[in-house]
Amino acid sequence: MRITQILAAVALSFAFPGCSTTHELPHGRLVGEAIQPQESRRFAVVDAEPAKFFDQTLLVEATVQAVCLKKGCWMKVEDQGKVAMVRWESGCGGQYAFPVDSVGKRVLIQGSFYPKKISEADAAHIQEEAGGKVEIPREGYEFNASAVLILEPAK
C-alpha cells in the first residue's frame, strides 16, 4: 500500500509540472487516497468564512490535538484557536486510520467541510475514545477526509 501511495505522488509530480509552489506538496507521511494538487489553506482562514468552503474538496492545514485511540476513525484538529473534527469518508473501521502518533503534528487534510452538531452521547463516546483527556466540541465543523498528509517538521 505504501509503495502505491509513493508512486501516486511521483506520478502527480510529473502530471502537473507547471504547478506553482503553492500546489506542491511538502514532505510527509500520506494516509488515505492520493492528494489532488491544489492550494492549501490554514484552517483558521476556512473557519473565518466557513460557508464559502462548503461542498468543495479542500486541502487544509491544521495541528492534530487528539486521535481516536480505538480505531483511528476520527481526529480533532486546531489552528489559531479554531477547532474541527475530522472523520474518514470511508467511515469508522474503514480502509484507513488516523495514526495515534500524529498528535501534536501539522497535517494537510484533503476532504469536504461542513457544519456539524454532535449529541451529548456521541461527544461522551468520542471523549472516551480519546482517553477522556480531550474536550470534544458539540457544535462546529467537520472534515470528511479522503487523505491526510502528516507533515515532517522543518529542519
C-alpha atoms as a PDB file:
ATOM      1  CA  MET A   1       0.000   0.000   0.000  1.00  0.00           C
ATOM      2  CA  ARG A   2       2.776   2.456   0.905  1.00  0.00           C
ATOM      3  CA  ILE A   3       4.531   1.871  -2.446  1.00  0.00           C
ATOM      4  CA  THR A   4       1.269   2.640  -4.274  1.00  0.00           C
ATOM      5  CA  GLN A   5       0.947   5.939  -2.409  1.00  0.00           C
ATOM      6  CA  ILE A   6       4.533   6.924  -3.199  1.00  0.00           C
ATOM      7  CA  LEU A   7       4.096   6.034  -6.863  1.00  0.00           C
ATOM      8  CA  ALA A   8       0.875   8.077  -6.986  1.00  0.00           C
ATOM      9  CA  ALA A   9       2.682  11.092  -5.524  1.00  0.00           C
ATOM     10  CA  VAL A  10       5.515  10.740  -8.049  1.00  0.00           C
ATOM     11  CA  ALA A  11       3.030  10.384 -10.906  1.00  0.00           C
ATOM     12  CA  LEU A  12       1.238  13.535  -9.764  1.00  0.00           C
ATOM     13  CA  SER A  13       4.506  15.468  -9.760  1.00  0.00           C
ATOM     14  CA  PHE A  14       5.076  14.537 -13.426  1.00  0.00           C
ATOM     15  CA  ALA A  15       1.442  15.054 -14.416  1.00  0.00           C
ATOM     16  CA  PHE A  16       1.413  18.624 -13.094  1.00  0.00           C
ATOM     17  CA  PRO A  17       4.895  20.013 -13.848  1.00  0.00           C
ATOM     18  CA  GLY A  18       3.629  23.577 -14.313  1.00  0.00           C
ATOM     19  CA  CYS A  19       2.085  23.813 -10.851  1.00  0.00           C
ATOM     20  CA  SER A  20       3.232  26.750  -8.776  1.00  0.00           C
ATOM     21  CA  THR A  21       4.975  26.156  -5.472  1.00  0.00           C
ATOM     22  CA  THR A  22       1.656  26.699  -3.679  1.00  0.00           C
ATOM     23  CA  HIS A  23       0.456  23.418  -5.226  1.00  0.00           C
ATOM     24  CA  GLU A  24       3.497  21.306  -4.470  1.00  0.00           C
ATOM     25  CA  LEU A  25       3.071  19.019  -1.514  1.00  0.00           C
ATOM     26  CA  PRO A  26       5.514  19.225   1.369  1.00  0.00           C
ATOM     27  CA  HIS A  27       7.259  16.098   2.608  1.00  0.00           C
ATOM     28  CA  GLY A  28       5.326  13.872   4.951  1.00  0.00           C
ATOM     29  CA  ARG A  29       3.555  10.577   5.532  1.00  0.00           C
ATOM     30  CA  LEU A  30       0.424  10.071   3.419  1.00  0.00           C
ATOM     31  CA  VAL A  31      -2.549   8.181   4.821  1.00  0.00           C
ATOM     32  CA  GLY A  32      -5.526   7.675   2.519  1.00  0.00           C
ATOM     33  CA  GLU A  33      -6.059   8.423  -1.156  1.00  0.00           C
ATOM     34  CA  ALA A  34      -3.706  10.401  -3.395  1.00  0.00           C
ATOM     35  CA  ILE A  35      -3.851  14.144  -2.731  1.00  0.00           C
ATOM     36  CA  GLN A  36      -5.031  16.217  -5.673  1.00  0.00           C
ATOM     37  CA  PRO A  37      -2.801  19.214  -6.446  1.00  0.00           C
ATOM     38  CA  GLN A  38      -4.410  22.400  -5.179  1.00  0.00           C
ATOM     39  CA  GLU A  39      -3.590  25.343  -2.975  1.00  0.00           C
ATOM     40  CA  SER A  40      -3.692  24.548   0.728  1.00  0.00           C
ATOM     41  CA  ARG A  41      -5.336  26.846   3.269  1.00  0.00           C
ATOM     42  CA  ARG A  42      -4.908  27.241   7.005  1.00  0.00           C
ATOM     43  CA  PHE A  43      -7.974  26.016   8.896  1.00  0.00           C
ATOM     44  CA  ALA A  44      -8.267  29.407  10.658  1.00  0.00           C
ATOM     45  CA  VAL A  45      -8.810  31.013   7.207  1.00  0.00           C
ATOM     46  CA  VAL A  46     -11.511  28.465   6.320  1.00  0.00           C
ATOM     47  CA  ASP A  47     -13.161  28.918   9.734  1.00  0.00           C
ATOM     48  CA  ALA A  48     -13.337  32.705   9.209  1.00  0.00           C
ATOM     49  CA  GLU A  49     -15.778  32.264   6.277  1.00  0.00           C
ATOM     50  CA  PRO A  50     -16.928  28.626   6.543  1.00  0.00           C
ATOM     51  CA  ALA A  51     -19.949  28.751   4.201  1.00  0.00           C
ATOM     52  CA  LYS A  52     -17.630  29.845   1.386  1.00  0.00           C
ATOM     53  CA  PHE A  53     -15.935  26.435   1.552  1.00  0.00           C
ATOM     54  CA  PHE A  54     -18.896  24.039   1.877  1.00  0.00           C
ATOM     55  CA  ASP A  55     -19.455  21.483  -0.916  1.00  0.00           C
ATOM     56  CA  GLN A  56     -15.854  21.599  -2.136  1.00  0.00           C
ATOM     57  CA  THR A  57     -12.825  19.362  -1.863  1.00  0.00           C
ATOM     58  CA  LEU A  58     -10.301  21.339   0.163  1.00  0.00           C
ATOM     59  CA  LEU A  59      -6.712  20.923   1.262  1.00  0.00           C
ATOM     60  CA  VAL A  60      -6.488  22.377   4.774  1.00  0.00           C
ATOM     61  CA  GLU A  61      -3.587  22.669   7.217  1.00  0.00           C
ATOM     62  CA  ALA A  62      -4.042  22.314  10.981  1.00  0.00           C
ATOM     63  CA  THR A  63      -2.447  20.716  14.054  1.00  0.00           C
ATOM     64  CA  VAL A  64      -3.719  17.394  15.406  1.00  0.00           C
ATOM     65  CA  GLN A  65      -4.942  17.683  19.015  1.00  0.00           C
ATOM     66  CA  ALA A  66      -6.394  14.200  19.506  1.00  0.00           C
ATOM     67  CA  VAL A  67      -6.983  10.918  17.673  1.00  0.00           C
ATOM     68  CA  CYS A  68      -9.391   8.057  18.334  1.00  0.00           C
ATOM     69  CA  LEU A  69      -7.338   5.572  20.359  1.00  0.00           C
ATOM     70  CA  LYS A  70      -9.522   2.594  19.418  1.00  0.00           C
ATOM     71  CA  LYS A  71      -9.764   2.560  15.605  1.00  0.00           C
ATOM     72  CA  GLY A  72      -8.236   5.849  14.424  1.00  0.00           C
ATOM     73  CA  CYS A  73     -11.597   6.788  12.918  1.00  0.00           C
ATOM     74  CA  TRP A  74     -11.538  10.478  13.916  1.00  0.00           C
ATOM     75  CA  MET A  75      -9.170  13.223  14.913  1.00  0.00           C
ATOM     76  CA  LYS A  76      -9.588  16.685  16.388  1.00  0.00           C
ATOM     77  CA  VAL A  77      -7.572  19.466  14.765  1.00  0.00           C
ATOM     78  CA  GLU A  78      -6.808  23.057  15.734  1.00  0.00           C
ATOM     79  CA  ASP A  79      -5.431  26.127  14.036  1.00  0.00           C
ATOM     80  CA  GLN A  80      -5.073  29.504  15.777  1.00  0.00           C
ATOM     81  CA  GLY A  81      -7.701  28.560  18.371  1.00  0.00           C
ATOM     82  CA  LYS A  82     -10.226  27.228  15.830  1.00  0.00           C
ATOM     83  CA  VAL A  83     -11.118  23.538  16.149  1.00  0.00           C
ATOM     84  CA  ALA A  84     -12.797  20.937  13.966  1.00  0.00           C
ATOM     85  CA  MET A  85     -13.334  17.213  13.893  1.00  0.00           C
ATOM     86  CA  VAL A  86     -12.076  15.052  11.023  1.00  0.00           C
ATOM     87  CA  ARG A  87     -13.505  11.686  10.014  1.00  0.00           C
ATOM     88  CA  TRP A  88     -12.767   9.342   7.126  1.00  0.00           C
ATOM     89  CA  GLU A  89     -15.068   9.301   4.095  1.00  0.00           C
ATOM     90  CA  SER A  90     -14.967   5.501   4.364  1.00  0.00           C
ATOM     91  CA  GLY A  91     -16.306   5.598   7.935  1.00  0.00           C
ATOM     92  CA  CYS A  92     -15.137   4.142  11.216  1.00  0.00           C
ATOM     93  CA  GLY A  93     -13.329   0.856  10.805  1.00  0.00           C
ATOM     94  CA  GLY A  94     -12.875   1.510   7.096  1.00  0.00           C
ATOM     95  CA  GLN A  95      -9.793   1.260   4.953  1.00  0.00           C
ATOM     96  CA  TYR A  96      -7.774   3.984   6.738  1.00  0.00           C
ATOM     97  CA  ALA A  97      -6.971   5.082  10.288  1.00  0.00           C
ATOM     98  CA  PHE A  98      -5.553   8.341  11.642  1.00  0.00           C
ATOM     99  CA  PRO A  99      -2.225   7.475  13.281  1.00  0.00           C
ATOM    100  CA  VAL A 100      -2.128   8.000  17.043  1.00  0.00           C
ATOM    101  CA  ASP A 101       1.439   9.323  16.740  1.00  0.00           C
ATOM    102  CA  SER A 102       0.171  12.306  14.702  1.00  0.00           C
ATOM    103  CA  VAL A 103      -0.989  14.161  17.848  1.00  0.00           C
ATOM    104  CA  GLY A 104       0.859  17.472  18.046  1.00  0.00           C
ATOM    105  CA  LYS A 105       1.891  17.389  14.381  1.00  0.00           C
ATOM    106  CA  ARG A 106       0.828  19.613  11.489  1.00  0.00           C
ATOM    107  CA  VAL A 107      -1.270  17.889   8.837  1.00  0.00           C
ATOM    108  CA  LEU A 108      -2.811  18.609   5.471  1.00  0.00           C
ATOM    109  CA  ILE A 109      -6.363  17.292   5.253  1.00  0.00           C
ATOM    110  CA  GLN A 110      -7.984  16.623   1.879  1.00  0.00           C
ATOM    111  CA  GLY A 111     -11.728  16.446   2.101  1.00  0.00           C
ATOM    112  CA  SER A 112     -15.064  18.177   2.230  1.00  0.00           C
ATOM    113  CA  PHE A 113     -16.063  20.561   5.009  1.00  0.00           C
ATOM    114  CA  TYR A 114     -19.472  21.072   6.609  1.00  0.00           C
ATOM    115  CA  PRO A 115     -21.187  22.233   9.812  1.00  0.00           C
ATOM    116  CA  LYS A 116     -21.750  19.516  12.399  1.00  0.00           C
ATOM    117  CA  LYS A 117     -23.615  19.102  15.679  1.00  0.00           C
ATOM    118  CA  ILE A 118     -22.676  16.215  17.942  1.00  0.00           C
ATOM    119  CA  SER A 119     -25.112  14.870  20.511  1.00  0.00           C
ATOM    120  CA  GLU A 120     -24.087  14.754  24.148  1.00  0.00           C
ATOM    121  CA  ALA A 121     -23.946  10.949  23.983  1.00  0.00           C
ATOM    122  CA  ASP A 122     -21.737  10.975  20.872  1.00  0.00           C
ATOM    123  CA  ALA A 123     -19.455  13.616  22.417  1.00  0.00           C
ATOM    124  CA  ALA A 124     -19.087  11.440  25.535  1.00  0.00           C
ATOM    125  CA  HIS A 125     -18.326   8.398  23.354  1.00  0.00           C
ATOM    126  CA  ILE A 126     -15.684  10.325  21.375  1.00  0.00           C
ATOM    127  CA  GLN A 127     -14.171  11.695  24.582  1.00  0.00           C
ATOM    128  CA  GLU A 128     -13.908   8.134  25.917  1.00  0.00           C
ATOM    129  CA  GLU A 129     -12.127   7.076  22.694  1.00  0.00           C
ATOM    130  CA  ALA A 130      -9.638   9.921  23.315  1.00  0.00           C
ATOM    131  CA  GLY A 131      -8.806   8.586  26.755  1.00  0.00           C
ATOM    132  CA  GLY A 132     -11.046  11.149  28.480  1.00  0.00           C
ATOM    133  CA  LYS A 133      -8.438  13.884  28.191  1.00  0.00           C
ATOM    134  CA  VAL A 134      -9.857  15.925  25.306  1.00  0.00           C
ATOM    135  CA  GLU A 135     -12.825  18.257  25.156  1.00  0.00           C
ATOM    136  CA  ILE A 136     -14.992  17.447  22.147  1.00  0.00           C
ATOM    137  CA  PRO A 137     -16.880  20.368  20.573  1.00  0.00           C
ATOM    138  CA  ARG A 138     -20.626  19.719  20.398  1.00  0.00           C
ATOM    139  CA  GLU A 139     -21.122  22.282  17.626  1.00  0.00           C
ATOM    140  CA  GLY A 140     -18.725  23.338  14.948  1.00  0.00           C
ATOM    141  CA  TYR A 141     -17.324  21.919  11.762  1.00  0.00           C
ATOM    142  CA  GLU A 142     -16.167  18.587  10.476  1.00  0.00           C
ATOM    143  CA  PHE A 143     -13.999  17.415   7.605  1.00  0.00           C
ATOM    144  CA  ASN A 144     -14.907  14.311   5.668  1.00  0.00           C
ATOM    145  CA  ALA A 145     -11.356  13.257   4.758  1.00  0.00           C
ATOM    146  CA  SER A 146     -10.133  11.193   1.834  1.00  0.00           C
ATOM    147  CA  ALA A 147      -6.452  11.785   2.680  1.00  0.00           C
ATOM    148  CA  VAL A 148      -4.188  13.199   5.371  1.00  0.00           C
ATOM    149  CA  LEU A 149      -0.552  14.144   4.913  1.00  0.00           C
ATOM    150  CA  ILE A 150       1.302  14.188   8.234  1.00  0.00           C
ATOM    151  CA  LEU A 151       3.956  16.854   7.695  1.00  0.00           C
ATOM    152  CA  GLU A 152       7.590  16.375   8.557  1.00  0.00           C
ATOM    153  CA  PRO A 153       8.958  19.013  10.932  1.00  0.00           C
ATOM    154  CA  ALA A 154      11.030  21.771   9.337  1.00  0.00           C
ATOM    155  CA  LYS A 155      14.759  21.141   9.614  1.00  0.00           C
END
